Protein backbone atom coordinates (compact mmCIF):
# COMPACT_ATOMS: atom_id res chain seq x y z
CA MET A 1 -28.16 6.21 -13.66
CA GLN A 2 -26.35 7.06 -16.92
CA VAL A 3 -23.06 8.90 -17.31
CA GLU A 4 -24.70 11.46 -19.58
CA GLU A 5 -27.26 12.27 -16.89
CA ALA A 6 -24.46 12.86 -14.40
CA ARG A 7 -22.57 14.94 -16.97
CA ASP A 8 -25.64 17.11 -17.57
CA LEU A 9 -26.03 17.59 -13.80
CA LEU A 10 -22.38 18.66 -13.48
CA HIS A 11 -22.77 21.21 -16.30
CA ARG A 12 -25.91 22.60 -14.65
CA ALA A 13 -24.00 22.87 -11.38
CA LEU A 14 -21.12 24.65 -13.12
CA ASP A 15 -23.58 27.19 -14.55
CA ALA A 16 -25.13 27.66 -11.11
CA TYR A 17 -21.77 28.34 -9.44
CA ALA A 18 -20.29 30.35 -12.34
CA GLY A 19 -21.32 33.68 -10.91
CA SER A 20 -20.80 32.84 -7.26
CA GLY A 21 -17.06 33.40 -7.20
CA ASP A 22 -16.66 30.06 -5.40
CA THR A 23 -13.52 28.85 -7.16
CA GLU A 24 -13.21 25.85 -4.86
CA ALA A 25 -16.66 24.62 -5.89
CA LEU A 26 -15.90 25.18 -9.58
CA ASP A 27 -12.61 23.26 -9.29
CA ARG A 28 -14.43 20.42 -7.57
CA LEU A 29 -17.03 20.20 -10.33
CA GLU A 30 -14.37 20.31 -13.08
CA HIS A 31 -12.58 17.51 -11.26
CA GLU A 32 -15.73 15.38 -11.25
CA LEU A 33 -16.21 16.02 -14.98
CA ASP A 34 -12.68 14.80 -15.66
CA ARG A 35 -13.27 11.68 -13.55
CA LEU A 36 -16.34 10.69 -15.56
CA ASP A 37 -14.22 9.82 -18.60
CA ALA A 38 -11.04 8.70 -16.84
CA PRO A 39 -10.01 5.04 -16.63
CA LEU A 40 -11.09 3.08 -13.58
CA ARG A 41 -8.60 3.56 -10.73
CA VAL A 42 -7.73 0.30 -8.98
CA ALA A 43 -5.37 0.02 -6.01
CA LEU A 44 -3.45 -3.13 -5.15
CA ALA A 45 -3.22 -3.52 -1.38
CA GLY A 46 -2.08 -6.12 1.11
CA LYS A 47 0.60 -6.98 3.60
CA LEU A 48 4.34 -7.01 2.96
CA LYS A 49 5.48 -9.68 0.49
CA ALA A 50 1.91 -10.35 -0.63
CA GLY A 51 3.08 -10.03 -4.24
CA LYS A 52 1.45 -6.70 -5.14
CA SER A 53 4.19 -5.43 -7.45
CA THR A 54 4.54 -8.81 -9.18
CA LEU A 55 0.79 -8.98 -9.82
CA LEU A 56 0.78 -5.39 -11.05
CA ASN A 57 3.51 -6.26 -13.56
CA ALA A 58 1.45 -9.27 -14.65
CA LEU A 59 -1.61 -7.08 -15.21
CA LEU A 60 0.53 -4.66 -17.22
CA GLY A 61 2.32 -7.38 -19.16
CA ASP A 62 5.54 -5.45 -18.49
CA GLU A 63 8.13 -5.12 -15.74
CA LEU A 64 7.58 -1.62 -14.39
CA ALA A 65 6.96 -1.98 -10.65
CA ALA A 66 10.06 -2.71 -8.58
CA THR A 67 9.84 -6.10 -6.85
CA ASP A 68 12.98 -5.80 -4.73
CA HIS A 69 13.33 -4.11 -1.34
CA ALA A 70 14.18 -0.65 -2.69
CA GLU A 71 12.88 2.42 -0.89
CA CYS A 72 10.51 3.17 -3.79
CA THR A 73 8.53 -0.01 -3.03
CA ARG A 74 7.42 1.69 0.21
CA VAL A 75 5.81 4.62 -1.64
CA VAL A 76 2.32 4.88 -3.16
CA THR A 77 2.93 4.67 -6.91
CA TRP A 78 0.40 5.51 -9.63
CA TYR A 79 0.64 3.94 -13.10
CA ARG A 80 -1.27 5.83 -15.81
CA HIS A 81 -1.44 5.48 -19.57
CA GLY A 82 0.35 7.97 -21.78
CA SER A 83 2.15 8.03 -25.10
CA VAL A 84 5.34 9.53 -23.62
CA PRO A 85 6.96 7.69 -20.66
CA SER A 86 7.62 9.81 -17.59
CA ILE A 87 8.25 9.44 -13.85
CA THR A 88 7.38 12.20 -11.38
CA VAL A 89 8.13 12.16 -7.65
CA HIS A 90 5.84 14.20 -5.38
CA PRO A 91 7.42 14.85 -1.96
CA VAL A 92 5.33 15.54 1.13
CA THR A 93 6.81 19.06 1.18
CA GLY A 94 8.43 20.94 -1.67
CA GLU A 95 8.16 20.84 -5.44
CA PRO A 96 7.90 17.59 -7.43
CA TRP A 97 10.70 16.45 -9.73
CA THR A 98 10.95 14.21 -12.77
CA CYS A 99 13.26 11.21 -13.28
CA PRO A 100 14.56 9.86 -16.58
CA PRO A 101 12.43 6.78 -17.39
CA ARG A 102 14.97 3.93 -17.35
CA ARG A 103 14.79 0.29 -16.37
CA GLY A 104 16.90 -1.47 -13.79
CA PRO A 105 17.31 -5.18 -13.07
CA ALA A 106 13.99 -5.16 -11.13
CA GLY A 107 11.60 -2.64 -12.67
CA LEU A 108 11.85 1.08 -13.29
CA VAL A 109 14.52 3.05 -11.46
CA VAL A 110 13.01 5.89 -9.41
CA ASP A 111 15.39 8.53 -8.08
CA LEU A 112 14.05 9.63 -4.68
CA ARG A 113 17.05 11.98 -4.26
CA GLY A 114 17.92 10.46 -0.92
CA CYS A 115 14.42 10.93 0.54
CA ARG A 116 13.02 8.33 2.88
CA ALA A 117 9.66 6.77 1.99
CA GLU A 118 8.01 8.79 4.77
CA GLU A 119 9.07 11.98 2.97
CA VAL A 120 7.44 11.06 -0.37
CA ASP A 121 3.71 11.52 -0.91
CA ARG A 122 3.50 9.55 -4.18
CA VAL A 123 5.23 8.64 -7.41
CA GLU A 124 3.41 8.95 -10.75
CA VAL A 125 4.48 6.78 -13.68
CA VAL A 126 3.09 7.45 -17.15
CA TRP A 127 3.73 4.61 -19.60
CA PRO A 128 2.38 3.48 -23.02
CA ALA A 129 1.33 0.06 -21.69
CA SER A 130 -1.81 -1.47 -23.20
CA GLY A 131 -2.87 -2.69 -19.74
CA LEU A 132 -3.25 0.94 -18.64
CA ARG A 133 -5.71 2.02 -21.31
CA ASP A 134 -8.76 1.04 -19.27
CA LEU A 135 -7.21 0.85 -15.80
CA THR A 136 -5.09 3.22 -13.77
CA LEU A 137 -3.24 1.00 -11.28
CA VAL A 138 -1.95 2.06 -7.87
CA ASP A 139 0.73 0.07 -6.08
CA THR A 140 0.57 0.64 -2.31
CA PRO A 141 3.13 -0.19 0.42
CA GLY A 142 2.47 -3.11 2.74
CA LEU A 143 -0.12 -2.48 5.42
CA ASP A 144 2.22 -4.08 7.98
CA SER A 145 5.30 -2.10 7.00
CA LEU A 146 8.04 -1.75 9.60
CA SER A 147 7.45 1.98 9.35
CA ARG A 148 4.23 2.82 11.15
CA GLU A 149 3.97 6.06 9.18
CA VAL A 150 4.17 4.21 5.85
CA SER A 151 1.51 1.71 6.97
CA HIS A 152 -0.79 4.46 8.23
CA ARG A 153 -0.38 6.38 4.99
CA THR A 154 -1.48 3.35 2.98
CA SER A 155 -4.46 2.72 5.25
CA GLY A 156 -5.44 6.41 5.24
CA PHE A 157 -5.03 6.61 1.46
CA LEU A 158 -7.57 3.83 0.93
CA THR A 159 -10.03 4.71 3.72
CA ALA A 160 -10.11 8.50 3.32
CA GLU A 161 -13.04 10.22 5.00
CA GLU A 162 -13.68 12.45 2.00
CA GLU A 163 -13.37 11.43 -1.64
CA SER A 164 -11.66 8.11 -2.21
CA PRO A 165 -8.64 8.39 -4.52
CA VAL A 166 -9.49 5.01 -6.08
CA ASP A 167 -12.63 3.36 -7.43
CA ALA A 168 -11.82 -0.17 -6.35
CA VAL A 169 -9.30 -2.30 -4.46
CA VAL A 170 -7.68 -5.61 -5.35
CA TYR A 171 -6.63 -6.96 -1.97
CA LEU A 172 -3.86 -9.57 -1.92
CA MET A 173 -3.47 -12.09 0.87
CA ARG A 174 -1.40 -15.24 1.21
CA HIS A 175 -3.60 -16.53 4.03
CA LEU A 176 -6.77 -15.13 5.57
CA HIS A 177 -6.04 -13.34 8.83
CA ALA A 178 -8.25 -11.24 11.07
CA THR A 179 -6.18 -8.17 10.11
CA ASP A 180 -7.14 -8.68 6.44
CA VAL A 181 -10.83 -8.73 7.32
CA ARG A 182 -10.45 -5.66 9.55
CA PHE A 183 -8.86 -3.64 6.77
CA LEU A 184 -11.51 -4.66 4.24
CA GLU A 185 -14.23 -3.79 6.75
CA ALA A 186 -12.63 -0.36 7.25
CA PHE A 187 -12.49 0.19 3.47
CA GLU A 188 -16.14 -0.82 3.07
CA GLU A 189 -17.19 1.33 6.02
CA ALA A 190 -15.37 4.37 4.61
CA ARG A 191 -17.16 4.00 1.28
CA SER A 192 -20.47 3.48 3.07
CA ARG A 193 -19.99 6.78 4.94
CA ARG A 194 -19.57 8.46 1.56
CA ASP A 195 -22.66 6.56 0.34
CA VAL A 196 -20.64 4.89 -2.42
CA ALA A 197 -20.87 1.18 -3.19
CA ALA A 198 -17.78 -0.80 -2.22
CA ALA A 199 -15.83 -2.50 -5.00
CA THR A 200 -13.29 -5.00 -3.72
CA VAL A 201 -11.84 -8.20 -5.16
CA ALA A 202 -9.63 -10.40 -2.99
CA VAL A 203 -6.73 -12.35 -4.48
CA LEU A 204 -5.18 -15.43 -2.92
CA SER A 205 -1.73 -14.35 -4.03
CA ARG A 206 1.35 -16.46 -4.63
CA ALA A 207 -1.18 -19.25 -5.03
CA ASP A 208 1.43 -21.67 -6.35
CA GLU A 209 2.97 -21.69 -2.86
CA VAL A 210 -0.25 -23.01 -1.29
CA GLY A 211 0.69 -26.49 -2.51
CA VAL A 212 4.40 -25.94 -1.74
CA GLY A 213 5.22 -25.80 -5.45
CA ARG A 214 3.60 -29.16 -6.31
CA ILE A 215 2.19 -29.67 -9.80
CA ASP A 216 -1.35 -29.58 -8.32
CA ALA A 217 -0.67 -26.39 -6.34
CA MET A 218 -3.24 -24.30 -8.20
CA ILE A 219 -5.90 -26.97 -7.63
CA SER A 220 -5.18 -26.76 -3.90
CA ALA A 221 -5.30 -22.95 -4.13
CA ASP A 222 -8.71 -23.17 -5.84
CA ARG A 223 -10.05 -25.18 -2.91
CA VAL A 224 -8.68 -22.67 -0.40
CA ALA A 225 -10.17 -19.75 -2.37
CA GLU A 226 -13.53 -21.53 -2.44
CA ARG A 227 -13.46 -21.80 1.37
CA TYR A 228 -12.59 -18.12 1.64
CA ARG A 229 -15.45 -17.19 -0.69
CA ALA A 230 -17.82 -18.91 1.73
CA HIS A 231 -16.28 -17.17 4.76
CA ALA A 232 -19.09 -14.98 6.16
CA ALA A 233 -16.93 -12.04 7.27
CA LEU A 234 -14.93 -11.96 4.03
CA ARG A 235 -17.96 -12.41 1.79
CA ALA A 236 -19.51 -9.36 3.40
CA VAL A 237 -16.68 -7.05 2.34
CA CYS A 238 -15.50 -8.31 -1.06
CA GLN A 239 -17.07 -9.58 -4.25
CA THR A 240 -15.01 -12.75 -4.63
CA VAL A 241 -11.65 -14.43 -4.03
CA VAL A 242 -9.45 -15.46 -6.96
CA PRO A 243 -6.27 -17.56 -6.67
CA VAL A 244 -3.41 -16.18 -8.79
CA SER A 245 0.26 -16.97 -9.21
CA GLY A 246 1.51 -13.51 -10.10
CA LEU A 247 5.06 -14.75 -10.72
CA LEU A 248 3.92 -17.36 -13.24
CA ALA A 249 1.57 -14.87 -14.93
CA HIS A 250 4.25 -12.21 -15.26
CA THR A 251 6.97 -14.59 -16.45
CA GLY A 252 4.59 -16.22 -18.90
CA GLN A 253 4.05 -12.86 -20.58
CA THR A 254 7.77 -12.04 -20.71
CA LEU A 255 9.21 -15.53 -21.38
CA ARG A 256 12.42 -15.50 -23.41
CA GLU A 257 13.72 -17.93 -26.03
CA ASP A 258 16.84 -18.81 -24.00
CA GLU A 259 14.63 -19.71 -21.03
CA VAL A 260 12.46 -21.93 -23.22
CA ALA A 261 15.58 -23.60 -24.66
CA ALA A 262 16.83 -24.42 -21.14
CA LEU A 263 13.44 -25.79 -20.16
CA ARG A 264 13.41 -28.00 -23.26
CA VAL A 265 16.75 -29.52 -22.24
CA LEU A 266 15.36 -30.31 -18.78
CA ALA A 267 12.12 -31.71 -20.23
CA ALA A 268 14.12 -34.13 -22.39
CA MET A 269 15.95 -35.58 -19.37
CA ASP A 270 14.84 -38.52 -17.24
CA ARG A 271 11.64 -37.37 -15.56
CA ALA A 272 12.27 -39.09 -12.22
CA GLU A 273 15.74 -37.55 -11.99
CA VAL A 274 14.48 -34.02 -12.65
CA GLU A 275 11.53 -34.43 -10.25
CA GLY A 276 13.97 -35.55 -7.57
CA LEU A 277 15.98 -32.38 -8.06
CA LEU A 278 12.80 -30.27 -7.88
CA LEU A 279 12.09 -31.44 -4.35
CA SER A 280 13.89 -28.34 -3.10
CA VAL A 281 15.35 -25.10 -4.40
CA ASP A 282 18.83 -25.98 -3.15
CA ARG A 283 18.86 -29.35 -4.92
CA PHE A 284 17.80 -27.89 -8.25
CA ARG A 285 20.35 -25.11 -8.37
CA GLN A 286 23.40 -26.83 -6.81
CA PRO A 287 26.48 -25.97 -8.92
CA SER A 288 28.00 -29.47 -8.82
CA LEU A 289 25.25 -30.98 -11.00
CA SER A 290 25.81 -31.56 -14.71
CA LEU A 291 22.39 -31.34 -16.28
CA GLY A 292 23.13 -29.71 -19.60
CA VAL A 293 21.77 -26.48 -18.12
CA PRO A 294 24.25 -24.29 -16.21
CA ALA A 295 23.63 -23.65 -12.52
CA GLU A 296 23.25 -19.93 -13.23
CA MET A 297 20.41 -20.61 -15.68
CA ARG A 298 18.73 -23.03 -13.26
CA ALA A 299 18.84 -20.38 -10.52
CA HIS A 300 17.49 -17.87 -13.03
CA LEU A 301 14.58 -20.17 -13.96
CA LEU A 302 13.69 -20.54 -10.28
CA SER A 303 13.70 -16.77 -9.78
CA ARG A 304 11.49 -16.32 -12.84
CA LEU A 305 9.12 -19.27 -12.43
CA GLY A 306 9.47 -20.73 -8.94
CA LEU A 307 9.39 -24.48 -8.34
CA PHE A 308 5.75 -24.73 -9.42
CA GLY A 309 6.38 -22.81 -12.63
CA VAL A 310 9.37 -24.96 -13.59
CA ARG A 311 7.35 -28.12 -12.93
CA MET A 312 4.41 -26.79 -14.91
CA ALA A 313 6.57 -25.70 -17.86
CA LEU A 314 8.28 -29.11 -17.99
CA ALA A 315 4.93 -30.92 -17.81
CA VAL A 316 3.56 -28.85 -20.71
CA LEU A 317 6.70 -29.39 -22.80
CA ARG A 318 6.56 -33.15 -22.23
CA LEU A 319 2.97 -33.35 -23.48
CA ARG A 320 3.72 -31.85 -26.88
CA ARG A 321 6.29 -29.66 -28.51
CA GLN A 322 5.59 -26.02 -27.82
CA THR A 323 6.84 -22.81 -29.33
CA ALA A 324 7.94 -20.11 -26.92
CA ALA A 325 4.66 -18.28 -27.60
CA THR A 326 2.37 -21.25 -27.01
CA LEU A 327 4.25 -22.26 -23.84
CA ALA A 328 3.96 -18.68 -22.58
CA ASP A 329 0.22 -18.65 -23.25
CA GLU A 330 -0.23 -21.94 -21.41
CA LEU A 331 1.67 -20.70 -18.35
CA VAL A 332 -0.43 -17.53 -18.23
CA ARG A 333 -3.63 -19.57 -18.56
CA ARG A 334 -2.64 -21.81 -15.65
CA SER A 335 -1.57 -18.87 -13.47
CA GLY A 336 -5.13 -17.71 -12.73
CA LEU A 337 -4.54 -14.29 -14.32
CA PRO A 338 -7.23 -14.72 -17.05
CA GLU A 339 -9.83 -15.44 -14.35
CA LEU A 340 -8.76 -12.35 -12.40
CA ARG A 341 -9.09 -10.25 -15.55
CA ARG A 342 -12.53 -11.73 -16.17
CA VAL A 343 -13.57 -10.90 -12.62
CA LEU A 344 -12.23 -7.35 -12.91
CA THR A 345 -14.25 -6.95 -16.09
CA ALA A 346 -17.42 -8.46 -14.63
CA GLN A 347 -17.24 -6.94 -11.14
CA LEU A 348 -15.60 -3.57 -11.79
CA MET A 349 -15.22 -2.51 -15.42
CA GLU A 350 -18.83 -3.20 -16.38
CA ARG A 351 -20.04 -1.14 -13.42
CA ARG A 352 -17.55 1.68 -13.99
CA ASP A 353 -20.07 4.07 -15.53
CA GLN A 354 -22.60 3.49 -12.76
CA LEU A 355 -19.97 3.94 -10.04
CA ARG A 356 -18.61 7.09 -11.65
CA ALA A 357 -22.06 8.57 -12.24
CA GLN A 358 -23.03 7.78 -8.67
CA ALA A 359 -19.89 9.45 -7.30
CA ALA A 360 -20.51 12.56 -9.41
CA VAL A 361 -24.13 12.93 -8.28
CA ARG A 362 -23.15 12.42 -4.64
CA ALA A 363 -20.42 15.04 -5.01
CA VAL A 364 -22.89 17.61 -6.39
CA ALA A 365 -25.36 16.80 -3.62
CA ARG A 366 -22.69 17.33 -0.93
CA LEU A 367 -21.51 20.54 -2.56
CA VAL A 368 -25.04 21.94 -2.78
CA ALA A 369 -25.68 21.04 0.87
CA ASP A 370 -22.41 22.62 2.09
CA ALA A 371 -22.37 25.75 -0.10
CA PRO A 372 -25.78 26.25 -1.79
CA PRO A 373 -25.79 28.27 -5.05
CA PRO A 374 -28.74 30.55 -5.98
CA ASP A 375 -30.74 27.69 -7.54
CA GLY A 376 -29.50 25.05 -5.14
CA VAL A 377 -33.01 23.73 -4.45
CA GLU A 378 -33.42 22.65 -8.07
CA LEU A 379 -29.99 21.02 -8.14
CA ALA A 380 -30.67 19.16 -4.89
CA ALA A 381 -34.01 17.94 -6.26
CA ARG A 382 -32.32 16.72 -9.45
CA CYS A 383 -29.74 14.83 -7.40
CA GLU A 384 -32.48 13.12 -5.40
CA GLN A 385 -34.35 12.30 -8.60
CA LEU A 386 -31.30 10.67 -10.20
CA VAL A 387 -30.50 8.61 -7.12
CA ALA A 388 -34.12 7.54 -6.65
CA GLY A 389 -34.37 6.39 -10.28
CA ALA A 390 -31.03 4.57 -10.36
CA HIS A 391 -31.96 0.90 -10.20
CA GLU A 392 -28.33 -0.09 -10.92
CA LEU A 393 -27.28 1.47 -7.62
CA ARG A 394 -29.93 -0.51 -5.77
CA GLU A 395 -28.58 -3.64 -7.46
CA ILE A 396 -25.04 -2.89 -6.30
CA ALA A 397 -26.21 -2.14 -2.76
CA LEU A 398 -28.39 -5.27 -2.62
CA LEU A 399 -25.58 -7.43 -3.98
CA ALA A 400 -23.37 -6.32 -1.09
CA ARG A 401 -26.19 -6.80 1.40
CA LEU A 402 -26.99 -10.34 0.26
CA ARG A 403 -23.38 -11.29 0.84
CA ALA A 404 -23.32 -9.77 4.31
CA THR A 405 -26.78 -10.27 5.83
CA PRO A 406 -28.85 -13.48 6.02
CA VAL A 407 -32.29 -13.37 4.39
CA GLU A 408 -35.22 -15.81 4.39
CA LEU A 409 -34.15 -17.39 1.11
CA SER A 410 -32.64 -20.76 0.32
CA PRO A 411 -28.95 -20.97 -0.70
CA GLU A 412 -30.07 -21.68 -4.26
CA GLN A 413 -32.30 -18.59 -4.28
CA VAL A 414 -29.50 -16.44 -2.86
CA ALA A 415 -27.12 -17.74 -5.57
CA SER A 416 -29.74 -16.98 -8.25
CA ALA A 417 -30.27 -13.49 -6.82
CA ASP A 418 -26.50 -12.89 -6.80
CA ARG A 419 -26.28 -13.75 -10.50
CA LEU A 420 -29.36 -11.69 -11.46
CA LEU A 421 -27.90 -8.65 -9.70
CA GLY A 422 -24.71 -8.91 -11.74
CA GLY A 423 -22.51 -10.88 -9.35
CA ASP A 424 -21.05 -12.81 -12.30
CA GLY A 425 -21.18 -9.83 -14.67
CA ARG A 426 -23.76 -7.37 -15.97
CA ALA A 427 -24.26 -9.15 -19.30
CA VAL A 428 -27.80 -10.49 -19.65
CA VAL A 429 -26.53 -13.98 -20.47
CA ALA A 430 -24.41 -13.98 -17.29
CA ARG A 431 -27.33 -12.80 -15.16
CA LEU A 432 -29.60 -15.53 -16.55
CA ARG A 433 -26.89 -18.22 -16.62
CA LEU A 434 -27.18 -18.69 -20.38
CA PRO A 435 -24.47 -19.42 -22.96
CA ALA A 436 -22.84 -16.38 -24.57
CA ASP A 437 -24.51 -17.16 -27.93
CA ALA A 438 -28.02 -17.57 -26.49
CA ARG A 439 -30.83 -16.59 -28.87
CA PRO A 440 -33.01 -13.57 -27.99
CA ALA A 441 -36.01 -15.91 -27.61
CA ASP A 442 -34.12 -17.97 -25.03
CA VAL A 443 -33.16 -14.80 -23.15
CA ARG A 444 -36.79 -13.65 -23.03
CA THR A 445 -37.98 -17.08 -21.87
CA ALA A 446 -35.39 -17.25 -19.09
CA ALA A 447 -36.09 -13.66 -17.99
CA ALA A 448 -39.85 -14.30 -17.92
CA HIS A 449 -39.32 -17.44 -15.84
CA ALA A 450 -37.11 -15.57 -13.37
CA LEU A 451 -39.65 -12.73 -13.18
CA GLU A 452 -42.44 -15.16 -12.36
CA GLN A 453 -40.38 -16.76 -9.58
CA TRP A 454 -39.38 -13.50 -7.90
CA ARG A 455 -42.87 -12.00 -8.20
CA ALA A 456 -44.24 -15.03 -6.36
CA LEU A 457 -41.67 -14.58 -3.59
CA ALA A 458 -42.29 -10.83 -3.39
CA ASP A 459 -45.98 -11.55 -2.76
CA ASP A 460 -45.36 -14.37 -0.27
CA PRO A 461 -46.92 -13.27 3.05
CA MET A 462 -44.84 -15.85 4.94
CA LEU A 463 -41.61 -13.96 4.19
CA ASP A 464 -40.53 -11.03 6.36
CA THR A 465 -40.75 -7.47 5.09
CA ASP A 466 -37.00 -7.11 4.40
CA THR A 467 -36.89 -10.28 2.32
CA ARG A 468 -39.93 -9.23 0.29
CA ARG A 469 -38.23 -5.88 -0.31
CA VAL A 470 -35.21 -7.74 -1.65
CA CYS A 471 -37.47 -9.75 -3.94
CA ARG A 472 -39.10 -6.57 -5.28
CA VAL A 473 -35.70 -5.24 -6.35
CA LEU A 474 -35.11 -8.52 -8.18
CA VAL A 475 -38.53 -8.22 -9.82
CA ARG A 476 -37.47 -4.81 -11.16
CA THR A 477 -34.22 -6.34 -12.43
CA CYS A 478 -36.11 -9.09 -14.28
CA GLU A 479 -38.49 -6.54 -15.78
CA GLY A 480 -35.45 -4.63 -17.01
CA LEU A 481 -34.07 -7.76 -18.64
CA LEU A 482 -37.35 -8.25 -20.47
CA THR A 483 -37.59 -4.64 -21.63
CA ASP A 484 -33.87 -4.43 -22.52
CA ASP A 485 -33.16 -1.83 -19.83
CA VAL A 486 -30.12 -3.96 -19.04
CA ARG A 487 -28.15 -4.21 -22.27
CA PRO A 488 -27.00 -7.66 -23.38
CA VAL A 489 -23.35 -6.66 -23.47
CA ARG A 490 -21.08 -9.70 -23.58
CA GLU A 491 -18.21 -9.98 -21.19
CA HIS A 492 -14.67 -9.82 -22.47
CA VAL A 493 -11.29 -10.47 -20.93
């Protein structure tokens, strides 16, 4: 299903309702038209102290979201791109008001005018951040907030019965608990009721703390994330699990020269002595030490980098002399943020048009069913035609099903099917597990080989009907790869 097909359907629906006097229907259709071209809307969700605001700042490359315990951290906050910065507070009752866009010591300062979080519906921040050009980000309060009303508002916001306010969710968790799985199941179920494919990526947040700040902490976090990716219940409700140290990623992008200078002094000291001090936060920042770096700066480095980040920065500086820029790049690379961005591109951004087109067609179909216009039969038939011919939607649905329901295929065949369906990205080279610079002849050969394999399985009488149906969808995917129905767009970060 193409965006232009959905756009044409929306215009036909607008013409059909133009003379009906149904202003609600017309507003709904105009809203869907606007959504077609809007950036993907991604919500960050999780429990308290999961690191949502820190990760959001890392994705933005700026310090906008408050990371302290201010009242505004308990309010749903939208971050949109715009050339002129602005902050608007929308109360549950009454008229919204604007705040002067100014920074505080921990993110933007939002004046709630004495309102409690329960009295504020949302805050909207417009900012000229490059990270917001393709993504509208939504910071949500913790799902286990001390205020039951705040928690319920977050849960209701993400699992709305009607139209979902967001296209996808990045769910942060420090450890996998049953409550995390239950929320993700509720989110997936809500989208299923609306007949919209779920789009969820889980993040093992504050990943540097998995290894208690050791230099190999991210390696340990990778192993934990790998176990979570194989967890049956979690695999059924999210695309993947990525370990990320949001603090390291954010600080790496905003590293200052004075911080680098202090780190260089520490890197030049006796390694065993410094490592001994890094055994605990209290040891490293004790005022009585004379290390050439004041206690205030040491405490500042810990707040900015954590124990793991300080260790990592010192290890990098000892290997070779780094400029502030190259050290910053290395810290970001080791934080896991580039992999999260790659996953967001592969799992969400590349499917944005299909998800948006699908939502628009579903919206027209619901509208026609609830309030039929004079030529509603033709519109309903067109909706059915678009859905029936949308192989991309079948791919998305099958991808989710393969991760949730066992089929009569080997683990290797399931992994191959996952890739072919776009589990590692929609690019042809990703689907066929080829290098990014693969020649067209190599692509055709690999696609033909995959087609032959899945055709044989689709015709295998020993497989059950459901499994053969799965194989037939994969046959159609391979045929599309051969006929260039699936464009060889390369992934980017």
